[in-house]
PDB file of N, CA and C in Angstrom:
ATOM      1  N   MET A   1     161.318  82.592  64.776  1.00  0.00           N
ATOM      2  CA  MET A   1     160.207  82.124  64.767  1.00  0.00           C
ATOM      3  C   MET A   1     159.357  81.917  63.422  1.00  0.00           C
ATOM      4  N   SER A   2     158.482  80.973  63.304  1.00  0.00           N
ATOM      5  CA  SER A   2     158.106  80.901  61.707  1.00  0.00           C
ATOM      6  C   SER A   2     156.649  81.979  62.085  1.00  0.00           C
ATOM      7  N   THR A   3     156.249  82.174  60.733  1.00  0.00           N
ATOM      8  CA  THR A   3     154.957  83.189  60.839  1.00  0.00           C
ATOM      9  C   THR A   3     153.648  82.053  61.299  1.00  0.00           C
ATOM     10  N   ARG A   4     153.983  80.559  61.048  1.00  0.00           N
ATOM     11  CA  ARG A   4     152.840  79.844  61.076  1.00  0.00           C
ATOM     12  C   ARG A   4     152.913  79.589  62.800  1.00  0.00           C
ATOM     13  N   ARG A   5     153.784  79.438  63.209  1.00  0.00           N
ATOM     14  CA  ARG A   5     154.204  79.193  64.854  1.00  0.00           C
ATOM     15  C   ARG A   5     153.585  80.266  65.217  1.00  0.00           C
ATOM     16  N   ILE A   6     153.829  81.663  64.956  1.00  0.00           N
ATOM     17  CA  ILE A   6     153.503  82.651  65.692  1.00  0.00           C
ATOM     18  C   ILE A   6     151.699  82.951  65.438  1.00  0.00           C
ATOM     19  N   ARG A   7     151.122  82.660  64.050  1.00  0.00           N
ATOM     20  CA  ARG A   7     149.715  82.603  64.503  1.00  0.00           C
ATOM     21  C   ARG A   7     148.931  81.693  65.263  1.00  0.00           C
ATOM     22  N   HIS A   8     149.808  80.504  65.274  1.00  0.00           N
ATOM     23  CA  HIS A   8     149.378  79.348  66.120  1.00  0.00           C
ATOM     24  C   HIS A   8     149.693  79.682  67.656  1.00  0.00           C
ATOM     25  N   GLN A   9     150.707  80.326  68.021  1.00  0.00           N
ATOM     26  CA  GLN A   9     150.796  80.807  69.109  1.00  0.00           C
ATOM     27  C   GLN A   9     149.623  82.022  69.466  1.00  0.00           C
ATOM     28  N   GLN A  10     149.604  82.777  68.714  1.00  0.00           N
ATOM     29  CA  GLN A  10     148.329  83.907  68.863  1.00  0.00           C
ATOM     30  C   GLN A  10     147.224  83.129  69.023  1.00  0.00           C
ATOM     31  N   THR A  11     146.607  82.260  68.211  1.00  0.00           N
ATOM     32  CA  THR A  11     145.209  81.401  68.462  1.00  0.00           C
ATOM     33  C   THR A  11     145.217  80.979  69.682  1.00  0.00           C
ATOM     34  N   VAL A  12     146.222  80.304  70.015  1.00  0.00           N
ATOM     35  CA  VAL A  12     146.085  79.468  71.469  1.00  0.00           C
ATOM     36  C   VAL A  12     145.864  80.757  72.677  1.00  0.00           C
ATOM     37  N   ARG A  13     146.850  81.681  72.918  1.00  0.00           N
ATOM     38  CA  ARG A  13     146.772  82.623  73.592  1.00  0.00           C
ATOM     39  C   ARG A  13     145.318  83.425  73.774  1.00  0.00           C
ATOM     40  N   ALA A  14     144.578  83.730  72.434  1.00  0.00           N
ATOM     41  CA  ALA A  14     143.490  84.260  72.679  1.00  0.00           C
ATOM     42  C   ALA A  14     142.354  83.301  73.452  1.00  0.00           C
ATOM     43  N   LEU A  15     142.440  82.141  72.932  1.00  0.00           N
ATOM     44  CA  LEU A  15     141.749  80.883  73.485  1.00  0.00           C
ATOM     45  C   LEU A  15     141.675  80.802  75.244  1.00  0.00           C
ATOM     46  N   ILE A  16     143.057  80.867  75.374  1.00  0.00           N
ATOM     47  CA  ILE A  16     143.085  80.891  76.931  1.00  0.00           C
ATOM     48  C   ILE A  16     142.970  82.246  77.855  1.00  0.00           C
ATOM     49  N   GLU A  17     143.002  83.390  77.179  1.00  0.00           N
ATOM     50  CA  GLU A  17     142.686  84.761  77.510  1.00  0.00           C
ATOM     51  C   GLU A  17     140.998  84.510  77.816  1.00  0.00           C
ATOM     52  N   ASP A  18     140.280  83.859  76.613  1.00  0.00           N
ATOM     53  CA  ASP A  18     138.920  84.168  76.618  1.00  0.00           C
ATOM     54  C   ASP A  18     138.529  83.112  77.838  1.00  0.00           C
ATOM     55  N   MET A  19     139.275  82.080  77.908  1.00  0.00           N
ATOM     56  CA  MET A  19     138.889  81.118  79.207  1.00  0.00           C
ATOM     57  C   MET A  19     139.034  81.353  80.357  1.00  0.00           C
ATOM     58  N   LEU A  20     139.934  82.635  80.801  1.00  0.00           N
ATOM     59  CA  LEU A  20     140.606  83.018  81.993  1.00  0.00           C
ATOM     60  C   LEU A  20     139.430  84.233  82.017  1.00  0.00           C
ATOM     61  N   ARG A  21     139.013  84.760  81.284  1.00  0.00           N
ATOM     62  CA  ARG A  21     137.979  85.893  81.663  1.00  0.00           C
ATOM     63  C   ARG A  21     136.721  85.566  81.955  1.00  0.00           C
ATOM     64  N   ALA A  22     136.545  84.251  81.675  1.00  0.00           N
ATOM     65  CA  ALA A  22     135.021  83.431  82.050  1.00  0.00           C
ATOM     66  C   ALA A  22     135.194  83.329  83.623  1.00  0.00           C
ATOM     67  N   GLU A  23     136.308  83.346  84.066  1.00  0.00           N
ATOM     68  CA  GLU A  23     136.717  83.050  85.759  1.00  0.00           C
ATOM     69  C   GLU A  23     135.956  81.785  86.022  1.00  0.00           C
ATOM     70  N   SER A  24     135.826  80.893  85.407  1.00  0.00           N
ATOM     71  CA  SER A  24     135.597  79.264  85.911  1.00  0.00           C
ATOM     72  C   SER A  24     136.540  78.341  85.128  1.00  0.00           C
ATOM     73  N   HIS A  25     137.679  78.774  84.755  1.00  0.00           N
ATOM     74  CA  HIS A  25     138.618  77.953  84.283  1.00  0.00           C
ATOM     75  C   HIS A  25     139.928  78.223  84.810  1.00  0.00           C
ATOM     76  N   VAL A  26     140.655  77.326  85.060  1.00  0.00           N
ATOM     77  CA  VAL A  26     142.060  77.402  85.923  1.00  0.00           C
ATOM     78  C   VAL A  26     142.798  76.514  84.356  1.00  0.00           C
ATOM     79  N   ILE A  27     143.703  77.564  83.907  1.00  0.00           N
ATOM     80  CA  ILE A  27     144.725  76.748  82.614  1.00  0.00           C
ATOM     81  C   ILE A  27     145.983  76.562  83.197  1.00  0.00           C
ATOM     82  N   ALA A  28     146.568  75.252  83.217  1.00  0.00           N
ATOM     83  CA  ALA A  28     147.655  75.045  83.813  1.00  0.00           C
ATOM     84  C   ALA A  28     148.650  74.066  82.794  1.00  0.00           C
ATOM     85  N   ALA A  29     149.756  73.911  82.959  1.00  0.00           N
ATOM     86  CA  ALA A  29     151.039  73.546  81.615  1.00  0.00           C
ATOM     87  C   ALA A  29     152.164  72.904  82.547  1.00  0.00           C
ATOM     88  N   LEU A  30     152.352  71.749  81.743  1.00  0.00           N
ATOM     89  CA  LEU A  30     153.474  70.788  82.143  1.00  0.00           C
ATOM     90  C   LEU A  30     154.274  70.276  80.956  1.00  0.00           C
ATOM     91  N   GLY A  31     155.497  71.147  81.240  1.00  0.00           N
ATOM     92  CA  GLY A  31     156.490  70.863  80.229  1.00  0.00           C
ATOM     93  C   GLY A  31     157.587  70.168  80.836  1.00  0.00           C
ATOM     94  N   ILE A  32     157.988  68.882  80.608  1.00  0.00           N
ATOM     95  CA  ILE A  32     158.956  67.783  81.235  1.00  0.00           C
ATOM     96  C   ILE A  32     160.374  68.369  80.417  1.00  0.00           C
ATOM     97  N   ASP A  33     161.105  68.661  81.606  1.00  0.00           N
ATOM     98  CA  ASP A  33     162.408  69.329  80.882  1.00  0.00           C
ATOM     99  C   ASP A  33     163.455  68.371  80.245  1.00  0.00           C
ATOM    100  N   ASP A  34     163.625  69.026  78.737  1.00  0.00           N
ATOM    101  CA  ASP A  34     164.275  68.099  78.146  1.00  0.00           C
ATOM    102  C   ASP A  34     166.077  68.856  77.866  1.00  0.00           C
ATOM    103  N   GLY A  35     166.251  69.520  78.463  1.00  0.00           N
ATOM    104  CA  GLY A  35     167.552  70.074  78.785  1.00  0.00           C
ATOM    105  C   GLY A  35     167.781  71.186  77.987  1.00  0.00           C
ATOM    106  N   TYR A  36     166.815  71.847  77.151  1.00  0.00           N
ATOM    107  CA  TYR A  36     166.855  73.158  76.279  1.00  0.00           C
ATOM    108  C   TYR A  36     165.691  73.863  76.018  1.00  0.00           C
ATOM    109  N   THR A  37     164.556  73.362  76.271  1.00  0.00           N
ATOM    110  CA  THR A  37     163.487  74.166  75.826  1.00  0.00           C
ATOM    111  C   THR A  37     162.800  75.069  76.899  1.00  0.00           C
ATOM    112  N   ASN A  38     162.632  76.153  76.617  1.00  0.00           N
ATOM    113  CA  ASN A  38     162.367  77.159  78.010  1.00  0.00           C
ATOM    114  C   ASN A  38     160.638  77.121  78.386  1.00  0.00           C
ATOM    115  N   PHE A  39     160.474  76.159  78.709  1.00  0.00           N
ATOM    116  CA  PHE A  39     158.650  75.770  78.953  1.00  0.00           C
ATOM    117  C   PHE A  39     157.858  76.962  79.476  1.00  0.00           C
ATOM    118  N   ARG A  40     158.892  77.706  80.632  1.00  0.00           N
ATOM    119  CA  ARG A  40     157.810  78.596  81.493  1.00  0.00           C
ATOM    120  C   ARG A  40     158.009  79.863  80.283  1.00  0.00           C
ATOM    121  N   LYS A  41     158.666  80.301  79.327  1.00  0.00           N
ATOM    122  CA  LYS A  41     158.532  81.047  78.591  1.00  0.00           C
ATOM    123  C   LYS A  41     157.633  80.738  77.630  1.00  0.00           C
ATOM    124  N   ILE A  42     157.548  79.822  77.034  1.00  0.00           N
ATOM    125  CA  ILE A  42     156.596  79.320  76.196  1.00  0.00           C
ATOM    126  C   ILE A  42     155.315  79.351  76.552  1.00  0.00           C
ATOM    127  N   PHE A  43     155.338  78.950  77.869  1.00  0.00           N
ATOM    128  CA  PHE A  43     153.952  79.077  78.528  1.00  0.00           C
ATOM    129  C   PHE A  43     153.348  80.598  78.730  1.00  0.00           C
ATOM    130  N   ARG A  44     154.053  81.322  79.242  1.00  0.00           N
ATOM    131  CA  ARG A  44     154.029  82.833  79.280  1.00  0.00           C
ATOM    132  C   ARG A  44     153.443  83.470  78.220  1.00  0.00           C
ATOM    133  N   GLU A  45     154.442  83.041  77.110  1.00  0.00           N
ATOM    134  CA  GLU A  45     153.930  83.647  75.510  1.00  0.00           C
ATOM    135  C   GLU A  45     152.466  82.850  75.562  1.00  0.00           C
ATOM    136  N   ILE A  46     152.034  82.112  75.559  1.00  0.00           N
ATOM    137  CA  ILE A  46     150.545  81.854  75.368  1.00  0.00           C
ATOM    138  C   ILE A  46     149.381  82.344  76.429  1.00  0.00           C
ATOM    139  N   GLY A  47     150.135  83.121  77.643  1.00  0.00           N
ATOM    140  CA  GLY A  47     149.087  83.460  78.548  1.00  0.00           C
ATOM    141  C   GLY A  47     148.994  82.476  79.908  1.00  0.00           C
ATOM    142  N   ILE A  48     149.747  81.554  80.031  1.00  0.00           N
ATOM    143  CA  ILE A  48     149.560  80.705  81.349  1.00  0.00           C
ATOM    144  C   ILE A  48     150.600  81.604  82.378  1.00  0.00           C
ATOM    145  N   GLN A  49     150.072  81.516  83.437  1.00  0.00           N
ATOM    146  CA  GLN A  49     150.594  81.970  84.686  1.00  0.00           C
ATOM    147  C   GLN A  49     151.772  81.273  85.062  1.00  0.00           C
ATOM    148  N   ASP A  50     152.821  81.929  85.502  1.00  0.00           N
ATOM    149  CA  ASP A  50     154.008  80.894  85.974  1.00  0.00           C
ATOM    150  C   ASP A  50     153.295  80.108  87.286  1.00  0.00           C
ATOM    151  N   GLY A  51     152.525  80.510  88.116  1.00  0.00           N
ATOM    152  CA  GLY A  51     152.270  79.953  89.046  1.00  0.00           C
ATOM    153  C   GLY A  51     151.544  78.412  88.865  1.00  0.00           C
ATOM    154  N   TRP A  52     151.144  78.656  87.637  1.00  0.00           N
ATOM    155  CA  TRP A  52     150.127  77.390  87.138  1.00  0.00           C
ATOM    156  C   TRP A  52     151.206  76.785  85.946  1.00  0.00           C
ATOM    157  N   THR A  53     152.474  76.929  85.769  1.00  0.00           N
ATOM    158  CA  THR A  53     153.235  75.938  84.989  1.00  0.00           C
ATOM    159  C   THR A  53     154.148  75.130  85.983  1.00  0.00           C
ATOM    160  N   LEU A  54     154.376  73.791  85.689  1.00  0.00           N
ATOM    161  CA  LEU A  54     155.113  72.831  86.327  1.00  0.00           C
ATOM    162  C   LEU A  54     156.356  72.785  85.231  1.00  0.00           C
ATOM    163  N   THR A  55     157.384  72.412  85.596  1.00  0.00           N
ATOM    164  CA  THR A  55     158.614  71.929  84.780  1.00  0.00           C
ATOM    165  C   THR A  55     159.450  70.680  85.204  1.00  0.00           C
ATOM    166  N   PRO A  56     158.735  69.981  85.730  1.00  0.00           N
ATOM    167  CA  PRO A  56     159.709  68.697  86.259  1.00  0.00           C
ATOM    168  C   PRO A  56     160.998  68.215  85.294  1.00  0.00           C
ATOM    169  N   GLY A  57     161.881  67.298  86.324  1.00  0.00           N
ATOM    170  CA  GLY A  57     162.984  67.040  85.481  1.00  0.00           C
ATOM    171  C   GLY A  57     162.428  65.794  84.862  1.00  0.00           C
ATOM    172  N   ASN A  58     162.996  65.174  83.709  1.00  0.00           N
ATOM    173  CA  ASN A  58     162.452  63.892  83.064  1.00  0.00           C
ATOM    174  C   ASN A  58     162.802  62.544  83.602  1.00  0.00           C
ATOM    175  N   THR A  59     162.774  62.651  84.983  1.00  0.00           N
ATOM    176  CA  THR A  59     162.864  61.129  85.475  1.00  0.00           C
ATOM    177  C   THR A  59     161.447  60.655  85.718  1.00  0.00           C
ATOM    178  N   ALA A  60     161.430  59.271  85.799  1.00  0.00           N
ATOM    179  CA  ALA A  60     159.800  58.810  86.584  1.00  0.00           C
ATOM    180  C   ALA A  60     159.351  59.559  87.748  1.00  0.00           C
ATOM    181  N   ILE A  61     160.454  59.959  88.894  1.00  0.00           N
ATOM    182  CA  ILE A  61     160.132  60.251  90.157  1.00  0.00           C
ATOM    183  C   ILE A  61     159.535  61.553  89.593  1.00  0.00           C
ATOM    184  N   ASP A  62     160.443  62.409  88.960  1.00  0.00           N
ATOM    185  CA  ASP A  62     160.081  63.704  89.013  1.00  0.00           C
ATOM    186  C   ASP A  62     158.539  63.929  88.436  1.00  0.00           C
ATOM    187  N   ILE A  63     158.155  63.301  87.231  1.00  0.00           N
ATOM    188  CA  ILE A  63     157.041  63.622  86.672  1.00  0.00           C
ATOM    189  C   ILE A  63     155.837  62.679  87.569  1.00  0.00           C
ATOM    190  N   ARG A  64     156.011  61.725  88.123  1.00  0.00           N
ATOM    191  CA  ARG A  64     155.207  61.272  88.968  1.00  0.00           C
ATOM    192  C   ARG A  64     154.480  62.458  90.169  1.00  0.00           C
ATOM    193  N   ALA A  65     155.509  63.237  90.623  1.00  0.00           N
ATOM    194  CA  ALA A  65     155.679  64.264  91.665  1.00  0.00           C
ATOM    195  C   ALA A  65     155.037  65.439  90.965  1.00  0.00           C
ATOM    196  N   ALA A  66     155.158  65.726  89.572  1.00  0.00           N
ATOM    197  CA  ALA A  66     154.451  66.707  89.126  1.00  0.00           C
ATOM    198  C   ALA A  66     152.881  66.340  88.527  1.00  0.00           C
ATOM    199  N   PHE A  67     152.571  65.294  88.257  1.00  0.00           N
ATOM    200  CA  PHE A  67     150.819  64.844  88.366  1.00  0.00           C
ATOM    201  C   PHE A  67     150.256  64.413  89.694  1.00  0.00           C
ATOM    202  N   GLN A  68     151.211  64.281  90.592  1.00  0.00           N
ATOM    203  CA  GLN A  68     150.518  64.684  92.146  1.00  0.00           C
ATOM    204  C   GLN A  68     150.290  65.880  92.477  1.00  0.00           C
ATOM    205  N   VAL A  69     150.978  66.734  91.983  1.00  0.00           N
ATOM    206  CA  VAL A  69     150.684  67.922  92.375  1.00  0.00           C
ATOM    207  C   VAL A  69     149.275  68.828  91.547  1.00  0.00           C
ATOM    208  N   PHE A  70     149.368  68.302  90.088  1.00  0.00           N
ATOM    209  CA  PHE A  70     148.240  68.686  89.323  1.00  0.00           C
ATOM    210  C   PHE A  70     147.178  68.198  89.968  1.00  0.00           C
ATOM    211  N   SER A  71     147.115  66.769  90.433  1.00  0.00           N
ATOM    212  CA  SER A  71     145.858  66.216  91.008  1.00  0.00           C
ATOM    213  C   SER A  71     145.267  66.929  92.240  1.00  0.00           C
ATOM    214  N   GLN A  72     146.097  67.089  93.220  1.00  0.00           N
ATOM    215  CA  GLN A  72     145.757  67.983  94.258  1.00  0.00           C
ATOM    216  C   GLN A  72     145.439  69.155  93.975  1.00  0.00           C
ATOM    217  N   SER A  73     146.147  69.672  92.809  1.00  0.00           N
ATOM    218  CA  SER A  73     145.274  71.191  92.532  1.00  0.00           C
ATOM    219  C   SER A  73     144.026  71.158  92.294  1.00  0.00           C
ATOM    220  N   ALA A  74     143.906  70.226  91.141  1.00  0.00           N
ATOM    221  CA  ALA A  74     142.623  69.841  90.634  1.00  0.00           C
ATOM    222  C   ALA A  74     141.498  69.305  91.515  1.00  0.00           C
ATOM    223  N   VAL A  75     141.632  68.538  92.624  1.00  0.00           N
ATOM    224  CA  VAL A  75     140.633  68.285  93.722  1.00  0.00           C
ATOM    225  C   VAL A  75     140.418  69.629  94.336  1.00  0.00           C
ATOM    226  N   ARG A  76     141.503  70.699  94.946  1.00  0.00           N
ATOM    227  CA  ARG A  76     141.130  71.767  95.468  1.00  0.00           C
ATOM    228  C   ARG A  76     140.256  72.642  95.041  1.00  0.00           C
ATOM    229  N   ALA A  77     140.503  72.748  93.414  1.00  0.00           N
ATOM    230  CA  ALA A  77     139.492  73.722  92.702  1.00  0.00           C
ATOM    231  C   ALA A  77     138.260  73.058  92.723  1.00  0.00           C
ATOM    232  N   SER A  78     138.156  71.656  92.565  1.00  0.00           N
ATOM    233  CA  SER A  78     136.826  71.235  92.460  1.00  0.00           C
ATOM    234  C   SER A  78     135.913  71.113  93.663  1.00  0.00           C
ATOM    235  N   GLN A  79     136.280  71.805  94.634  1.00  0.00           N
ATOM    236  CA  GLN A  79     136.036  71.516  95.872  1.00  0.00           C
ATOM    237  C   GLN A  79     134.790  72.687  95.935  1.00  0.00           C
ATOM    238  N   GLY A  80     134.052  73.429  95.477  1.00  0.00           N
ATOM    239  CA  GLY A  80     133.408  74.722  95.720  1.00  0.00           C
ATOM    240  C   GLY A  80     134.031  75.814  94.985  1.00  0.00           C
ATOM    241  N   GLY A  81     132.887  76.931  94.964  1.00  0.00           N
ATOM    242  CA  GLY A  81     133.173  78.307  94.960  1.00  0.00           C
ATOM    243  C   GLY A  81     134.563  78.856  95.410  1.00  0.00           C
ATOM    244  N   THR A  82     134.500  78.993  96.701  1.00  0.00           N
ATOM    245  CA  THR A  82     135.690  79.838  97.712  1.00  0.00           C
ATOM    246  C   THR A  82     136.737  78.807  97.119  1.00  0.00           C
ATOM    247  N   ALA A  83     136.488  77.208  97.414  1.00  0.00           N
ATOM    248  CA  ALA A  83     138.079  76.768  97.137  1.00  0.00           C
ATOM    249  C   ALA A  83     138.499  76.970  95.542  1.00  0.00           C
ATOM    250  N   PHE A  84     137.799  76.837  94.521  1.00  0.00           N
ATOM    251  CA  PHE A  84     138.031  77.421  93.241  1.00  0.00           C
ATOM    252  C   PHE A  84     138.591  78.793  93.062  1.00  0.00           C
ATOM    253  N   VAL A  85     137.893  79.776  93.879  1.00  0.00           N
ATOM    254  CA  VAL A  85     138.538  80.982  93.467  1.00  0.00           C
ATOM    255  C   VAL A  85     140.263  81.269  94.074  1.00  0.00           C
ATOM    256  N   GLN A  86     139.951  80.322  95.402  1.00  0.00           N
ATOM    257  CA  GLN A  86     141.802  80.720  96.158  1.00  0.00           C
ATOM    258  C   GLN A  86     142.655  79.319  95.476  1.00  0.00           C
ATOM    259  N   ALA A  87     142.075  78.502  94.723  1.00  0.00           N
ATOM    260  CA  ALA A  87     142.950  77.545  93.902  1.00  0.00           C
ATOM    261  C   ALA A  87     143.543  78.235  92.521  1.00  0.00           C
ATOM    262  N   ALA A  88     142.331  79.031  91.862  1.00  0.00           N
ATOM    263  CA  ALA A  88     142.630  79.796  90.809  1.00  0.00           C
ATOM    264  C   ALA A  88     143.671  80.904  90.925  1.00  0.00           C
ATOM    265  N   LEU A  89     143.565  81.530  92.114  1.00  0.00           N
ATOM    266  CA  LEU A  89     144.537  82.575  92.475  1.00  0.00           C
ATOM    267  C   LEU A  89     145.727  82.388  92.927  1.00  0.00           C
ATOM    268  N   GLY A  90     145.904  81.189  93.437  1.00  0.00           N
ATOM    269  CA  GLY A  90     147.039  80.901  94.217  1.00  0.00           C
ATOM    270  C   GLY A  90     148.246  79.900  93.304  1.00  0.00           C
ATOM    271  N   GLY A  91     147.777  79.203  92.165  1.00  0.00           N
ATOM    272  CA  GLY A  91     148.559  78.475  91.585  1.00  0.00           C
ATOM    273  C   GLY A  91     148.754  77.087  92.201  1.00  0.00           C
ATOM    274  N   PHE A  92     149.961  76.414  91.674  1.00  0.00           N
ATOM    275  CA  PHE A  92     150.251  75.371  92.461  1.00  0.00           C
ATOM    276  C   PHE A  92     150.747  75.129  93.653  1.00  0.00           C
ATOM    277  N   SER A  93     151.518  76.430  94.269  1.00  0.00           N
ATOM    278  CA  SER A  93     151.803  76.711  95.221  1.00  0.00           C
ATOM    279  C   SER A  93     150.597  76.749  96.376  1.00  0.00           C
ATOM    280  N   ASN A  94     149.793  77.067  95.964  1.00  0.00           N
ATOM    281  CA  ASN A  94     148.332  77.288  96.871  1.00  0.00           C
ATOM    282  C   ASN A  94     148.063  76.159  97.448  1.00  0.00           C
TER     283      ASN A  94
END
């Protein structure tokens, strides 16, 4: 891994950690399967929890389904304090 990429990764991780410490943010990630990239590993390295990572296949149906999950989770999180805390703790499976 290049030094430049490591620096960028550290910068992104620091930003994510700051946002999560504020307790008013949910950080989610979507990595569309390309057959060789380990998106879960990459997202973990920058501080995104596995529960908030989706890695759908690269078909239109899979991508639409993933965006539907994102959408439903955003609605749940935006419905108020208790709903936000429950959504933040549960990830997409909540």
